[in-house]
Amino acid sequence: MAIAHDTMDEAFMIGIRDIFTDAEIIELGLVTGAFIALGRLHRAFDIAPMEDGAHGAFREEG
């Protein structure tokens, strides 16, 4: 979506509609767009990367 949004043709949309509702597709687009925007803000403001293990979601299960 961020790099090649123009490749999301009718065949792609038919395939994704087999899995998600229209509301879910919109939500996926909005969430994806929000993360793309946050990543660009981090890069623009030169925000330091997170330290290893700084966020629970990135912890490896041992």
N, C-alpha and C. Protein backbone atom coordinates (compact mmCIF):
# COMPACT_ATOMS: atom_id res chain seq x y z
N MET A 1 0.83 -1.19 0.00
CA MET A 1 0.00 0.00 0.00
C MET A 1 0.87 1.25 0.00
N ALA A 2 1.95 1.24 0.72
CA ALA A 2 2.80 2.42 0.79
C ALA A 2 3.68 2.57 -0.44
N ILE A 3 4.09 1.45 -1.00
CA ILE A 3 5.06 1.50 -2.09
C ILE A 3 4.39 1.38 -3.46
N ALA A 4 3.44 0.48 -3.59
CA ALA A 4 2.85 0.20 -4.90
C ALA A 4 1.32 0.14 -4.81
N HIS A 5 0.73 1.21 -4.29
CA HIS A 5 -0.72 1.22 -4.12
C HIS A 5 -1.48 1.08 -5.44
N ASP A 6 -0.83 1.47 -6.52
CA ASP A 6 -1.50 1.39 -7.81
C ASP A 6 -1.58 -0.03 -8.36
N THR A 7 -0.97 -1.00 -7.67
CA THR A 7 -1.05 -2.39 -8.09
C THR A 7 -2.25 -3.11 -7.48
N MET A 8 -3.01 -2.42 -6.65
CA MET A 8 -4.19 -3.01 -6.03
C MET A 8 -5.35 -2.91 -7.02
N ASP A 9 -5.38 -3.88 -7.95
CA ASP A 9 -6.37 -3.86 -9.02
C ASP A 9 -7.65 -4.59 -8.61
N GLU A 10 -8.55 -4.75 -9.58
CA GLU A 10 -9.85 -5.38 -9.31
C GLU A 10 -9.68 -6.82 -8.82
N ALA A 11 -8.72 -7.55 -9.39
CA ALA A 11 -8.47 -8.93 -8.96
C ALA A 11 -8.04 -8.98 -7.50
N PHE A 12 -7.21 -8.03 -7.10
CA PHE A 12 -6.79 -7.95 -5.70
C PHE A 12 -7.99 -7.70 -4.80
N MET A 13 -8.84 -6.76 -5.19
CA MET A 13 -10.01 -6.42 -4.37
C MET A 13 -10.99 -7.58 -4.28
N ILE A 14 -11.16 -8.33 -5.36
CA ILE A 14 -12.04 -9.51 -5.31
C ILE A 14 -11.49 -10.52 -4.32
N GLY A 15 -10.18 -10.75 -4.37
CA GLY A 15 -9.56 -11.68 -3.44
C GLY A 15 -9.67 -11.26 -2.00
N ILE A 16 -9.47 -9.98 -1.74
CA ILE A 16 -9.52 -9.50 -0.36
C ILE A 16 -10.95 -9.49 0.17
N ARG A 17 -11.92 -9.29 -0.72
CA ARG A 17 -13.33 -9.32 -0.29
C ARG A 17 -13.80 -10.73 0.04
N ASP A 18 -13.06 -11.73 -0.42
CA ASP A 18 -13.36 -13.11 -0.02
C ASP A 18 -13.01 -13.34 1.44
N ILE A 19 -12.14 -12.51 1.98
CA ILE A 19 -11.64 -12.69 3.35
C ILE A 19 -12.24 -11.67 4.31
N PHE A 20 -12.35 -10.41 3.87
CA PHE A 20 -12.76 -9.31 4.74
C PHE A 20 -14.05 -8.65 4.24
N THR A 21 -14.79 -8.06 5.17
CA THR A 21 -15.95 -7.25 4.81
C THR A 21 -15.46 -5.89 4.32
N ASP A 22 -16.35 -5.11 3.70
CA ASP A 22 -15.96 -3.77 3.25
C ASP A 22 -15.50 -2.91 4.43
N ALA A 23 -16.20 -3.01 5.55
CA ALA A 23 -15.82 -2.23 6.74
C ALA A 23 -14.43 -2.63 7.22
N GLU A 24 -14.12 -3.92 7.19
CA GLU A 24 -12.79 -4.38 7.62
C GLU A 24 -11.70 -3.92 6.66
N ILE A 25 -12.01 -3.88 5.37
CA ILE A 25 -11.04 -3.40 4.39
C ILE A 25 -10.73 -1.93 4.63
N ILE A 26 -11.76 -1.15 4.92
CA ILE A 26 -11.54 0.27 5.23
C ILE A 26 -10.70 0.41 6.49
N GLU A 27 -11.02 -0.38 7.51
CA GLU A 27 -10.26 -0.32 8.76
C GLU A 27 -8.80 -0.71 8.53
N LEU A 28 -8.57 -1.76 7.74
CA LEU A 28 -7.20 -2.15 7.42
C LEU A 28 -6.46 -1.02 6.71
N GLY A 29 -7.12 -0.36 5.79
CA GLY A 29 -6.51 0.76 5.09
C GLY A 29 -6.17 1.91 6.02
N LEU A 30 -7.08 2.23 6.92
CA LEU A 30 -6.84 3.33 7.86
C LEU A 30 -5.71 3.01 8.83
N VAL A 31 -5.70 1.79 9.35
CA VAL A 31 -4.63 1.39 10.28
C VAL A 31 -3.29 1.35 9.56
N THR A 32 -3.28 0.80 8.34
CA THR A 32 -2.04 0.76 7.57
C THR A 32 -1.54 2.17 7.29
N GLY A 33 -2.44 3.06 6.89
CA GLY A 33 -2.06 4.45 6.65
C GLY A 33 -1.52 5.13 7.88
N ALA A 34 -2.11 4.85 9.04
CA ALA A 34 -1.63 5.45 10.29
C ALA A 34 -0.21 4.99 10.59
N PHE A 35 0.06 3.70 10.41
CA PHE A 35 1.41 3.20 10.67
C PHE A 35 2.42 3.73 9.66
N ILE A 36 2.01 3.88 8.41
CA ILE A 36 2.90 4.47 7.41
C ILE A 36 3.23 5.91 7.82
N ALA A 37 2.22 6.66 8.24
CA ALA A 37 2.43 8.05 8.66
C ALA A 37 3.35 8.12 9.87
N LEU A 38 3.14 7.24 10.86
CA LEU A 38 4.01 7.24 12.04
C LEU A 38 5.45 6.93 11.67
N GLY A 39 5.64 5.96 10.78
CA GLY A 39 6.99 5.63 10.34
C GLY A 39 7.66 6.80 9.65
N ARG A 40 6.91 7.52 8.85
CA ARG A 40 7.49 8.69 8.15
C ARG A 40 7.79 9.82 9.12
N LEU A 41 6.93 10.00 10.12
CA LEU A 41 7.22 11.01 11.15
C LEU A 41 8.48 10.65 11.93
N HIS A 42 8.61 9.39 12.29
CA HIS A 42 9.81 8.95 13.00
C HIS A 42 11.06 9.24 12.19
N ARG A 43 10.99 8.95 10.90
CA ARG A 43 12.15 9.20 10.04
C ARG A 43 12.40 10.71 9.88
N ALA A 44 11.34 11.48 9.69
CA ALA A 44 11.48 12.93 9.49
C ALA A 44 12.05 13.62 10.72
N PHE A 45 11.63 13.17 11.92
CA PHE A 45 12.10 13.79 13.15
C PHE A 45 13.30 13.07 13.74
N ASP A 46 13.84 12.10 13.01
CA ASP A 46 15.03 11.36 13.42
C ASP A 46 14.87 10.78 14.83
N ILE A 47 13.71 10.17 15.05
CA ILE A 47 13.44 9.55 16.34
C ILE A 47 14.25 8.27 16.44
N ALA A 48 14.90 8.09 17.58
CA ALA A 48 15.77 6.93 17.78
C ALA A 48 14.96 5.64 17.75
N PRO A 49 15.55 4.58 17.21
CA PRO A 49 14.85 3.29 17.23
C PRO A 49 14.70 2.78 18.66
N MET A 50 13.70 1.94 18.86
CA MET A 50 13.46 1.37 20.19
C MET A 50 14.58 0.41 20.55
N GLU A 51 14.88 0.34 21.83
CA GLU A 51 15.85 -0.64 22.31
C GLU A 51 15.22 -2.03 22.25
N ASP A 52 16.06 -3.06 22.16
CA ASP A 52 15.55 -4.42 22.16
C ASP A 52 14.73 -4.67 23.41
N GLY A 53 13.56 -5.27 23.24
CA GLY A 53 12.71 -5.60 24.38
C GLY A 53 11.97 -4.42 24.98
N ALA A 54 11.99 -3.25 24.31
CA ALA A 54 11.34 -2.07 24.87
C ALA A 54 9.82 -2.18 24.85
N HIS A 55 9.31 -3.03 24.00
CA HIS A 55 7.86 -3.19 23.89
C HIS A 55 7.53 -4.67 24.02
N GLY A 56 6.56 -4.98 24.84
CA GLY A 56 6.20 -6.37 25.11
C GLY A 56 5.87 -7.18 23.88
N ALA A 57 5.31 -6.54 22.86
CA ALA A 57 4.92 -7.28 21.65
C ALA A 57 6.12 -7.81 20.89
N PHE A 58 7.30 -7.24 21.15
CA PHE A 58 8.50 -7.66 20.44
C PHE A 58 9.34 -8.65 21.23
N ARG A 59 8.89 -9.02 22.42
CA ARG A 59 9.64 -9.98 23.23
C ARG A 59 9.49 -11.37 22.66
N GLU A 60 10.60 -12.07 22.60
CA GLU A 60 10.56 -13.44 22.10
C GLU A 60 10.11 -14.36 23.22
N GLU A 61 9.27 -15.30 22.86
CA GLU A 61 8.82 -16.30 23.83
C GLU A 61 9.95 -17.29 24.03
N GLY A 62 10.26 -17.60 25.29
CA GLY A 62 11.38 -18.51 25.54
C GLY A 62 10.95 -19.69 26.23
